[in-house]
N, C-alpha and C. Protein backbone atom coordinates (compact mmCIF):
# COMPACT_ATOMS: atom_id res chain seq x y z
N UNK A 1 43.69 85.70 -13.84
CA UNK A 1 43.98 86.94 -14.51
C UNK A 1 45.30 86.78 -15.24
N UNK A 2 45.36 87.21 -16.50
CA UNK A 2 46.60 87.03 -17.23
C UNK A 2 47.66 88.00 -16.74
N UNK A 3 48.91 87.69 -17.07
CA UNK A 3 50.04 88.45 -16.53
C UNK A 3 50.01 89.92 -16.92
N UNK A 4 49.65 90.23 -18.16
CA UNK A 4 49.59 91.62 -18.61
C UNK A 4 48.54 92.42 -17.83
N UNK A 5 47.39 91.82 -17.65
CA UNK A 5 46.33 92.51 -16.92
C UNK A 5 46.71 92.70 -15.46
N UNK A 6 47.33 91.67 -14.87
CA UNK A 6 47.77 91.76 -13.49
C UNK A 6 48.78 92.90 -13.34
N UNK A 7 49.74 92.98 -14.24
CA UNK A 7 50.74 94.04 -14.17
C UNK A 7 50.09 95.40 -14.34
N UNK A 8 49.15 95.49 -15.23
CA UNK A 8 48.47 96.76 -15.48
C UNK A 8 47.64 97.23 -14.30
N UNK A 9 47.07 96.32 -13.56
CA UNK A 9 46.22 96.67 -12.42
C UNK A 9 46.97 96.68 -11.09
N UNK A 10 48.22 96.28 -11.10
CA UNK A 10 48.95 96.10 -9.85
C UNK A 10 49.01 97.39 -9.04
N UNK A 11 49.25 98.53 -9.68
CA UNK A 11 49.33 99.80 -8.94
C UNK A 11 48.01 100.11 -8.26
N UNK A 12 46.92 99.86 -8.95
CA UNK A 12 45.60 100.10 -8.36
C UNK A 12 45.40 99.20 -7.14
N UNK A 13 45.73 97.94 -7.27
CA UNK A 13 45.56 97.02 -6.15
C UNK A 13 46.51 97.34 -5.01
N UNK A 14 47.72 97.79 -5.33
CA UNK A 14 48.66 98.19 -4.28
C UNK A 14 48.05 99.28 -3.42
N UNK A 15 47.43 100.25 -4.06
CA UNK A 15 46.80 101.33 -3.31
C UNK A 15 45.70 100.84 -2.39
N UNK A 16 44.90 99.93 -2.89
CA UNK A 16 43.82 99.36 -2.08
C UNK A 16 44.38 98.54 -0.92
N UNK A 17 45.47 97.82 -1.17
CA UNK A 17 46.09 97.03 -0.10
C UNK A 17 46.66 97.94 0.98
N UNK A 18 47.29 99.04 0.56
CA UNK A 18 47.85 99.99 1.52
C UNK A 18 46.75 100.63 2.36
N UNK A 19 45.59 100.89 1.75
CA UNK A 19 44.46 101.43 2.51
C UNK A 19 44.01 100.44 3.57
N UNK A 20 43.96 99.17 3.22
CA UNK A 20 43.49 98.13 4.14
C UNK A 20 44.52 97.81 5.22
N UNK A 21 45.77 97.69 4.81
CA UNK A 21 46.84 97.28 5.73
C UNK A 21 47.94 98.32 5.73
N UNK A 22 47.73 99.38 6.50
CA UNK A 22 48.63 100.53 6.50
C UNK A 22 50.04 100.26 6.95
N UNK A 23 50.27 99.18 7.66
CA UNK A 23 51.63 98.88 8.13
C UNK A 23 52.49 98.25 7.04
N UNK A 24 51.87 97.82 5.95
CA UNK A 24 52.64 97.28 4.84
C UNK A 24 53.25 98.43 4.05
N UNK A 25 54.49 98.27 3.65
CA UNK A 25 55.15 99.29 2.83
C UNK A 25 54.95 98.95 1.36
N UNK A 26 55.21 99.94 0.51
CA UNK A 26 55.18 99.67 -0.93
C UNK A 26 56.19 98.59 -1.28
N UNK A 27 57.34 98.61 -0.62
CA UNK A 27 58.35 97.57 -0.87
C UNK A 27 57.83 96.19 -0.48
N UNK A 28 57.13 96.09 0.65
CA UNK A 28 56.55 94.80 1.05
C UNK A 28 55.64 94.28 -0.04
N UNK A 29 54.79 95.15 -0.55
CA UNK A 29 53.82 94.73 -1.55
C UNK A 29 54.51 94.39 -2.86
N UNK A 30 55.53 95.17 -3.23
CA UNK A 30 56.29 94.88 -4.46
C UNK A 30 57.01 93.53 -4.35
N UNK A 31 57.54 93.23 -3.18
CA UNK A 31 58.28 91.98 -3.00
C UNK A 31 57.37 90.77 -3.20
N UNK A 32 56.15 90.83 -2.69
CA UNK A 32 55.25 89.68 -2.83
C UNK A 32 54.67 89.61 -4.23
N UNK A 33 54.57 90.74 -4.91
CA UNK A 33 54.16 90.81 -6.32
C UNK A 33 53.04 89.84 -6.70
N UNK A 34 51.99 89.83 -5.91
CA UNK A 34 50.83 89.02 -6.25
C UNK A 34 50.87 87.58 -5.79
N UNK A 35 51.89 87.20 -5.05
CA UNK A 35 52.00 85.82 -4.55
C UNK A 35 51.32 85.73 -3.19
N UNK A 36 50.23 85.02 -3.16
CA UNK A 36 49.35 84.99 -1.99
C UNK A 36 50.05 84.55 -0.70
N UNK A 37 50.74 83.44 -0.73
CA UNK A 37 51.36 82.93 0.50
C UNK A 37 52.39 83.90 1.06
N UNK A 38 53.15 84.52 0.18
CA UNK A 38 54.12 85.51 0.64
C UNK A 38 53.41 86.72 1.24
N UNK A 39 52.29 87.11 0.64
CA UNK A 39 51.54 88.24 1.15
C UNK A 39 50.98 87.94 2.54
N UNK A 40 50.46 86.74 2.72
CA UNK A 40 49.96 86.35 4.04
C UNK A 40 51.09 86.43 5.06
N UNK A 41 52.27 85.99 4.70
CA UNK A 41 53.41 86.08 5.60
C UNK A 41 53.75 87.52 5.97
N UNK A 42 53.70 88.42 5.00
CA UNK A 42 53.95 89.84 5.29
C UNK A 42 52.88 90.42 6.19
N UNK A 43 51.62 90.03 5.98
CA UNK A 43 50.56 90.49 6.87
C UNK A 43 50.83 90.05 8.30
N UNK A 44 51.20 88.79 8.46
CA UNK A 44 51.51 88.27 9.79
C UNK A 44 52.64 89.07 10.43
N UNK A 45 53.69 89.26 9.68
CA UNK A 45 54.89 89.92 10.18
C UNK A 45 54.61 91.38 10.56
N UNK A 46 54.03 92.14 9.67
CA UNK A 46 53.84 93.57 9.89
C UNK A 46 52.74 93.90 10.89
N UNK A 47 51.69 93.09 10.90
CA UNK A 47 50.54 93.38 11.75
C UNK A 47 50.50 92.52 13.01
N UNK A 48 51.44 91.60 13.16
CA UNK A 48 51.51 90.79 14.37
C UNK A 48 50.27 89.95 14.59
N UNK A 49 49.79 89.32 13.51
CA UNK A 49 48.59 88.50 13.61
C UNK A 49 48.91 87.06 13.22
N UNK A 50 48.03 86.15 13.62
CA UNK A 50 48.20 84.73 13.30
C UNK A 50 47.87 84.49 11.83
N UNK A 51 48.36 83.37 11.31
CA UNK A 51 48.13 83.03 9.92
C UNK A 51 46.64 82.94 9.60
N UNK A 52 45.87 82.34 10.48
CA UNK A 52 44.42 82.21 10.26
C UNK A 52 43.76 83.59 10.12
N UNK A 53 44.17 84.52 10.97
CA UNK A 53 43.60 85.87 10.91
C UNK A 53 44.04 86.58 9.64
N UNK A 54 45.29 86.41 9.24
CA UNK A 54 45.78 87.02 8.00
C UNK A 54 45.00 86.48 6.81
N UNK A 55 44.77 85.17 6.78
CA UNK A 55 43.99 84.55 5.70
C UNK A 55 42.57 85.10 5.68
N UNK A 56 41.96 85.24 6.86
CA UNK A 56 40.59 85.75 6.94
C UNK A 56 40.52 87.18 6.40
N UNK A 57 41.45 88.02 6.84
CA UNK A 57 41.46 89.41 6.37
C UNK A 57 41.65 89.47 4.86
N UNK A 58 42.54 88.64 4.35
CA UNK A 58 42.80 88.64 2.91
C UNK A 58 41.59 88.12 2.13
N UNK A 59 40.96 87.08 2.63
CA UNK A 59 39.75 86.57 1.97
C UNK A 59 38.65 87.61 1.95
N UNK A 60 38.48 88.33 3.07
CA UNK A 60 37.48 89.40 3.14
C UNK A 60 37.81 90.50 2.13
N UNK A 61 39.08 90.86 2.04
CA UNK A 61 39.51 91.89 1.10
C UNK A 61 39.25 91.46 -0.34
N UNK A 62 39.56 90.20 -0.64
CA UNK A 62 39.33 89.69 -2.00
C UNK A 62 37.85 89.67 -2.35
N UNK A 63 36.99 89.42 -1.39
CA UNK A 63 35.55 89.45 -1.63
C UNK A 63 35.12 90.84 -2.07
N UNK A 64 35.74 91.86 -1.47
CA UNK A 64 35.42 93.24 -1.82
C UNK A 64 36.14 93.70 -3.10
N UNK A 65 37.13 92.95 -3.55
CA UNK A 65 37.92 93.29 -4.75
C UNK A 65 37.97 92.09 -5.68
N UNK A 66 36.84 91.70 -6.26
CA UNK A 66 36.76 90.45 -7.02
C UNK A 66 37.59 90.44 -8.31
N UNK A 67 38.03 91.59 -8.79
CA UNK A 67 38.85 91.59 -10.01
C UNK A 67 40.28 91.16 -9.74
N UNK A 68 40.68 91.16 -8.48
CA UNK A 68 42.05 90.79 -8.14
C UNK A 68 42.18 89.26 -8.04
N UNK A 69 43.19 88.73 -8.67
CA UNK A 69 43.47 87.29 -8.61
C UNK A 69 44.94 87.12 -8.31
N UNK A 70 45.26 86.09 -7.56
CA UNK A 70 46.64 85.81 -7.16
C UNK A 70 47.33 84.90 -8.15
N UNK A 71 48.65 85.08 -8.25
CA UNK A 71 49.49 84.12 -9.00
C UNK A 71 49.52 82.82 -8.23
N UNK A 72 49.95 81.80 -8.90
CA UNK A 72 50.08 80.49 -8.25
C UNK A 72 51.20 80.50 -7.26
């Protein structure tokens, strides 16, 4: 996804992420700003889960939200 489209859709995706992972704050999501590895780390930290579980949850979420793509 190009940078302009990612920025334009970021608020929509933030809302969906907050629905899925309620312990994440808007600041948490803003800090990771689409960077997958950082997001996985925040999931682990806030939800007290292992990296494998965080990856699984994120992969499942991405399957349900195919328009979302991560930065490198």
